[in-house]
């Protein structure tokens, strides 16, 4: 199974289960994210959602290029980009707090997934960054929009996007991307982070989350995400992108 959805008391957890390929995203994992959204909306007793990756090496390495490199044109790429972007928007606007338990490296689309969450609890060994620029494309799942929305300093957000490199956990805590960093066991880190929030009624969390969702609805955040998807799809079909992907896949072999 490429993903696991399990419930632990009032916490619904989604685990990307592709450690052999650094928890890269394929269509099956997108199916799972869509199922996660449906499960939350159909169960009012859920208080938190946690998204993490299997193993200790990677949270998520982004899209599975061994699959998605077959998409050659903007017309080919747009449906995949849009589908994942819509899934992430649905996750970002879930009625409960969503926590990215970043157990390992989160790069490219993996960094977009974590950014769409409300909180990012990051292993001190993890490096995270929007490395899409090294493949001659931009963020295509809405991550750039979420980053510029969530980081207080827009110059630091833009720097993260333009440098296209992984950042250390310490640097991510300093610039505000990481909510908290941890050493050691990720389950203990999660328990520590939730210790106070679990004492509060879930209806309170939901009411506060609605404030965020109303704000994003008013500023038409989804429309901004869709424009981001469109821009990425245009760059996707350029020769520079396909050449960069081929170089990356050749090095991996």
Protein backbone atom coordinates (compact mmCIF):
# COMPACT_ATOMS: atom_id res chain seq x y z
CA UNK A 1 0.00 0.00 0.00
CA UNK A 2 1.44 3.37 -1.01
CA UNK A 3 -0.25 5.14 1.90
CA UNK A 4 -1.69 4.29 5.30
CA UNK A 5 -4.63 6.03 6.98
CA UNK A 6 -5.13 5.12 10.61
CA UNK A 7 -6.86 6.61 13.59
CA UNK A 8 -5.34 6.97 17.05
CA UNK A 9 -8.07 8.19 19.41
CA UNK A 10 -9.13 11.55 17.89
CA UNK A 11 -6.12 11.90 15.60
CA UNK A 12 -6.34 10.80 11.97
CA UNK A 13 -2.91 10.03 10.55
CA UNK A 14 -1.86 9.83 6.91
CA UNK A 15 1.49 8.14 6.21
CA UNK A 16 3.10 8.20 2.78
CA UNK A 17 4.35 4.62 2.54
CA UNK A 18 6.94 4.59 -0.24
CA UNK A 19 10.23 4.69 1.69
CA UNK A 20 12.07 2.84 -1.08
CA UNK A 21 11.57 5.89 -3.31
CA UNK A 22 11.83 8.52 -0.57
CA UNK A 23 8.04 8.69 -0.19
CA UNK A 24 7.55 10.26 -3.61
CA UNK A 25 4.02 11.06 -4.72
CA UNK A 26 2.23 9.09 -7.42
CA UNK A 27 -1.43 8.85 -8.41
CA UNK A 28 -2.16 6.27 -5.72
CA UNK A 29 -0.91 8.59 -2.98
CA UNK A 30 -3.09 11.39 -4.38
CA UNK A 31 -6.04 8.96 -4.14
CA UNK A 32 -5.15 8.53 -0.49
CA UNK A 33 -5.01 12.25 0.22
CA UNK A 34 -8.44 12.65 -1.34
CA UNK A 35 -9.71 9.81 0.85
CA UNK A 36 -8.20 11.51 3.91
CA UNK A 37 -10.16 14.69 3.18
CA UNK A 38 -13.38 12.72 2.80
CA UNK A 39 -12.79 10.83 6.06
CA UNK A 40 -12.30 14.06 8.03
CA UNK A 41 -15.41 15.71 6.63
CA UNK A 42 -17.46 12.61 7.47
CA UNK A 43 -16.35 12.36 11.10
CA UNK A 44 -16.97 15.27 13.45
CA UNK A 45 -15.10 13.56 16.30
CA UNK A 46 -11.67 13.95 14.66
CA UNK A 47 -9.66 16.68 16.39
CA UNK A 48 -6.35 16.61 14.49
CA UNK A 49 -4.87 15.39 11.23
CA UNK A 50 -1.22 14.34 11.03
CA UNK A 51 0.65 13.85 7.77
CA UNK A 52 4.02 12.11 7.83
CA UNK A 53 6.29 9.79 5.87
CA UNK A 54 7.34 6.21 6.51
CA UNK A 55 10.87 5.70 7.84
CA UNK A 56 13.40 8.18 9.11
CA UNK A 57 14.96 9.39 5.87
CA UNK A 58 12.24 11.27 4.00
CA UNK A 59 8.96 12.99 4.72
CA UNK A 60 8.35 13.32 0.98
CA UNK A 61 10.65 13.92 -1.99
CA UNK A 62 7.88 15.43 -4.14
CA UNK A 63 6.43 14.03 -7.32
CA UNK A 64 7.68 10.67 -8.58
CA UNK A 65 9.66 11.78 -11.62
CA UNK A 66 9.99 8.22 -12.87
CA UNK A 67 6.23 8.42 -13.47
CA UNK A 68 5.54 12.09 -14.11
CA UNK A 69 8.44 12.67 -16.54
CA UNK A 70 6.23 11.02 -19.18
CA UNK A 71 4.09 14.16 -19.10
CA UNK A 72 5.59 16.21 -21.90
CA UNK A 73 3.35 19.20 -22.60
CA UNK A 74 1.49 21.76 -20.53
CA UNK A 75 -1.72 20.02 -21.54
CA UNK A 76 -0.31 16.70 -20.28
CA UNK A 77 1.00 18.09 -17.00
CA UNK A 78 -1.87 20.37 -16.02
CA UNK A 79 -4.38 17.66 -14.93
CA UNK A 80 -1.85 16.06 -12.56
CA UNK A 81 -0.74 19.40 -11.15
CA UNK A 82 -4.30 20.63 -10.72
CA UNK A 83 -5.50 17.42 -9.10
CA UNK A 84 -2.74 17.46 -6.49
CA UNK A 85 -3.16 21.21 -5.96
CA UNK A 86 -6.88 20.76 -5.29
CA UNK A 87 -6.14 17.91 -2.88
CA UNK A 88 -3.68 20.14 -1.02
CA UNK A 89 -6.16 23.03 -0.91
CA UNK A 90 -8.74 20.66 0.57
CA UNK A 91 -6.17 19.60 3.17
CA UNK A 92 -5.20 23.19 3.95
CA UNK A 93 -8.86 24.08 4.49
CA UNK A 94 -9.83 21.06 6.57
CA UNK A 95 -11.96 22.05 9.57
CA UNK A 96 -9.36 20.78 12.08
CA UNK A 97 -5.68 21.59 12.68
CA UNK A 98 -3.36 19.73 10.28
CA UNK A 99 0.16 18.88 11.42
CA UNK A 100 3.05 17.95 9.14
CA UNK A 101 5.25 15.60 11.16
CA UNK A 102 8.36 16.11 9.06
CA UNK A 103 10.33 12.99 9.96
CA UNK A 104 12.95 13.49 7.23
CA UNK A 105 13.80 15.49 4.15
CA UNK A 106 10.91 17.36 2.49
CA UNK A 107 11.88 18.76 -0.89
CA UNK A 108 10.04 19.95 -3.96
CA UNK A 109 6.42 18.88 -3.76
CA UNK A 110 7.11 17.40 -0.33
CA UNK A 111 7.87 20.89 0.93
CA UNK A 112 4.63 22.07 -0.66
CA UNK A 113 2.66 19.43 1.23
CA UNK A 114 4.21 20.43 4.55
CA UNK A 115 3.64 24.11 3.84
CA UNK A 116 -0.05 23.54 3.21
CA UNK A 117 -0.40 22.15 6.75
CA UNK A 118 -1.11 24.39 9.74
CA UNK A 119 1.94 23.28 11.75
CA UNK A 120 5.32 21.81 10.82
CA UNK A 121 7.11 19.70 13.43
CA UNK A 122 10.52 19.10 11.90
CA UNK A 123 13.26 16.59 12.70
CA UNK A 124 16.57 18.28 13.46
CA UNK A 125 18.13 16.02 10.82
CA UNK A 126 15.72 17.05 8.06
CA UNK A 127 16.41 19.43 5.23
CA UNK A 128 13.48 21.04 3.47
CA UNK A 129 13.23 23.30 0.46
CA UNK A 130 11.51 24.28 -2.75
CA UNK A 131 14.06 22.77 -5.15
CA UNK A 132 11.73 22.92 -8.16
CA UNK A 133 13.86 25.68 -9.69
CA UNK A 134 16.69 23.19 -10.20
CA UNK A 135 14.34 21.40 -12.60
CA UNK A 136 13.47 24.64 -14.39
CA UNK A 137 9.90 24.75 -13.05
CA UNK A 138 8.08 26.54 -10.24
CA UNK A 139 5.98 25.13 -7.43
CA UNK A 140 2.97 23.50 -9.07
CA UNK A 141 0.79 22.30 -6.22
CA UNK A 142 0.14 25.65 -4.53
CA UNK A 143 3.19 25.62 -2.26
CA UNK A 144 4.42 29.04 -3.34
CA UNK A 145 1.03 30.57 -2.57
CA UNK A 146 0.89 28.94 0.87
CA UNK A 147 4.47 29.94 1.68
CA UNK A 148 3.88 33.60 0.87
CA UNK A 149 0.67 33.45 2.89
CA UNK A 150 2.18 31.88 5.99
CA UNK A 151 5.65 33.37 6.40
CA UNK A 152 5.53 36.76 8.08
CA UNK A 153 8.52 38.02 6.11
CA UNK A 154 7.73 37.85 2.40
CA UNK A 155 11.36 38.50 1.49
CA UNK A 156 12.40 35.30 3.27
CA UNK A 157 9.59 33.38 1.59
CA UNK A 158 10.65 34.64 -1.83
CA UNK A 159 14.26 33.82 -0.99
CA UNK A 160 13.30 30.21 -0.21
CA UNK A 161 11.58 29.91 -3.58
CA UNK A 162 14.28 31.63 -5.62
CA UNK A 163 17.27 29.87 -4.05
CA UNK A 164 15.77 26.45 -4.86
CA UNK A 165 17.82 24.70 -2.20
CA UNK A 166 17.18 22.66 0.95
CA UNK A 167 17.38 24.48 4.28
CA UNK A 168 18.45 23.01 7.60
CA UNK A 169 15.91 22.58 10.38
CA UNK A 170 17.63 25.34 12.35
CA UNK A 171 17.33 27.78 9.44
CA UNK A 172 13.68 26.81 8.95
CA UNK A 173 12.92 27.51 12.60
CA UNK A 174 14.61 30.89 12.33
CA UNK A 175 12.70 32.01 9.23
CA UNK A 176 9.37 30.82 10.62
CA UNK A 177 8.66 27.87 8.31
CA UNK A 178 9.15 25.27 11.04
CA UNK A 179 6.79 25.54 14.00
CA UNK A 180 9.05 23.39 16.17
CA UNK A 181 12.07 21.15 15.73
CA UNK A 182 12.83 17.93 17.57
CA UNK A 183 15.56 15.39 18.21
CA UNK A 184 14.93 11.69 18.49
CA UNK A 185 11.53 10.03 18.43
CA UNK A 186 8.89 11.67 16.26
CA UNK A 187 5.99 10.20 18.24
CA UNK A 188 7.27 11.78 21.43
CA UNK A 189 7.71 15.07 19.59
CA UNK A 190 4.12 14.93 18.35
CA UNK A 191 2.79 14.06 21.80
CA UNK A 192 4.72 16.94 23.35
CA UNK A 193 3.44 19.40 20.74
CA UNK A 194 -0.19 18.34 21.21
CA UNK A 195 -0.08 18.09 25.00
CA UNK A 196 -1.89 21.38 25.66
CA UNK A 197 -4.12 21.40 22.59
CA UNK A 198 -5.59 17.98 23.37
CA UNK A 199 -7.02 19.43 26.59
CA UNK A 200 -9.19 21.85 24.59
CA UNK A 201 -12.55 20.91 23.10
CA UNK A 202 -12.38 20.06 19.41
CA UNK A 203 -15.21 22.48 18.69
CA UNK A 204 -12.89 25.31 19.75
CA UNK A 205 -10.22 24.19 17.28
CA UNK A 206 -12.79 23.98 14.52
CA UNK A 207 -14.08 27.47 15.25
CA UNK A 208 -10.58 28.94 15.07
CA UNK A 209 -9.79 27.03 11.89
CA UNK A 210 -12.87 28.51 10.28
CA UNK A 211 -11.44 31.99 10.83
CA UNK A 212 -8.51 31.02 8.61
CA UNK A 213 -10.72 29.36 6.02
CA UNK A 214 -13.03 32.41 5.84
CA UNK A 215 -10.03 34.66 5.33
CA UNK A 216 -8.68 32.49 2.49
CA UNK A 217 -12.10 32.26 0.89
CA UNK A 218 -12.48 36.05 0.97
CA UNK A 219 -9.10 36.60 -0.67
CA UNK A 220 -9.81 33.88 -3.26
CA UNK A 221 -6.78 31.81 -2.32
CA UNK A 222 -7.92 28.92 -4.50
CA UNK A 223 -7.84 31.16 -7.57
CA UNK A 224 -4.26 32.11 -6.68
CA UNK A 225 -3.34 28.43 -6.39
CA UNK A 226 -4.86 27.73 -9.81
CA UNK A 227 -2.78 30.51 -11.37
CA UNK A 228 0.31 28.95 -9.79
CA UNK A 229 -0.60 25.60 -11.33
CA UNK A 230 -1.05 27.18 -14.74
CA UNK A 231 2.34 28.91 -14.58
CA UNK A 232 4.07 25.65 -13.64
CA UNK A 233 2.39 23.73 -16.46
CA UNK A 234 3.69 26.24 -19.01
CA UNK A 235 7.25 25.84 -17.74
CA UNK A 236 6.80 22.07 -17.60
CA UNK A 237 6.74 21.66 -21.38
CA UNK A 238 9.91 23.71 -21.94
CA UNK A 239 13.04 21.92 -23.14
CA UNK A 240 14.96 23.19 -20.11
CA UNK A 241 12.68 21.27 -17.76
CA UNK A 242 12.84 18.00 -19.68
CA UNK A 243 16.61 18.22 -19.98
CA UNK A 244 16.94 18.87 -16.24
CA UNK A 245 14.72 15.89 -15.42
CA UNK A 246 16.76 13.61 -17.69
CA UNK A 247 19.97 14.69 -15.96
CA UNK A 248 18.41 14.06 -12.56
CA UNK A 249 17.17 10.59 -13.49
CA UNK A 250 20.52 9.69 -15.05
CA UNK A 251 22.37 10.65 -11.85
CA UNK A 252 19.95 8.59 -9.76
CA UNK A 253 20.66 5.51 -11.86
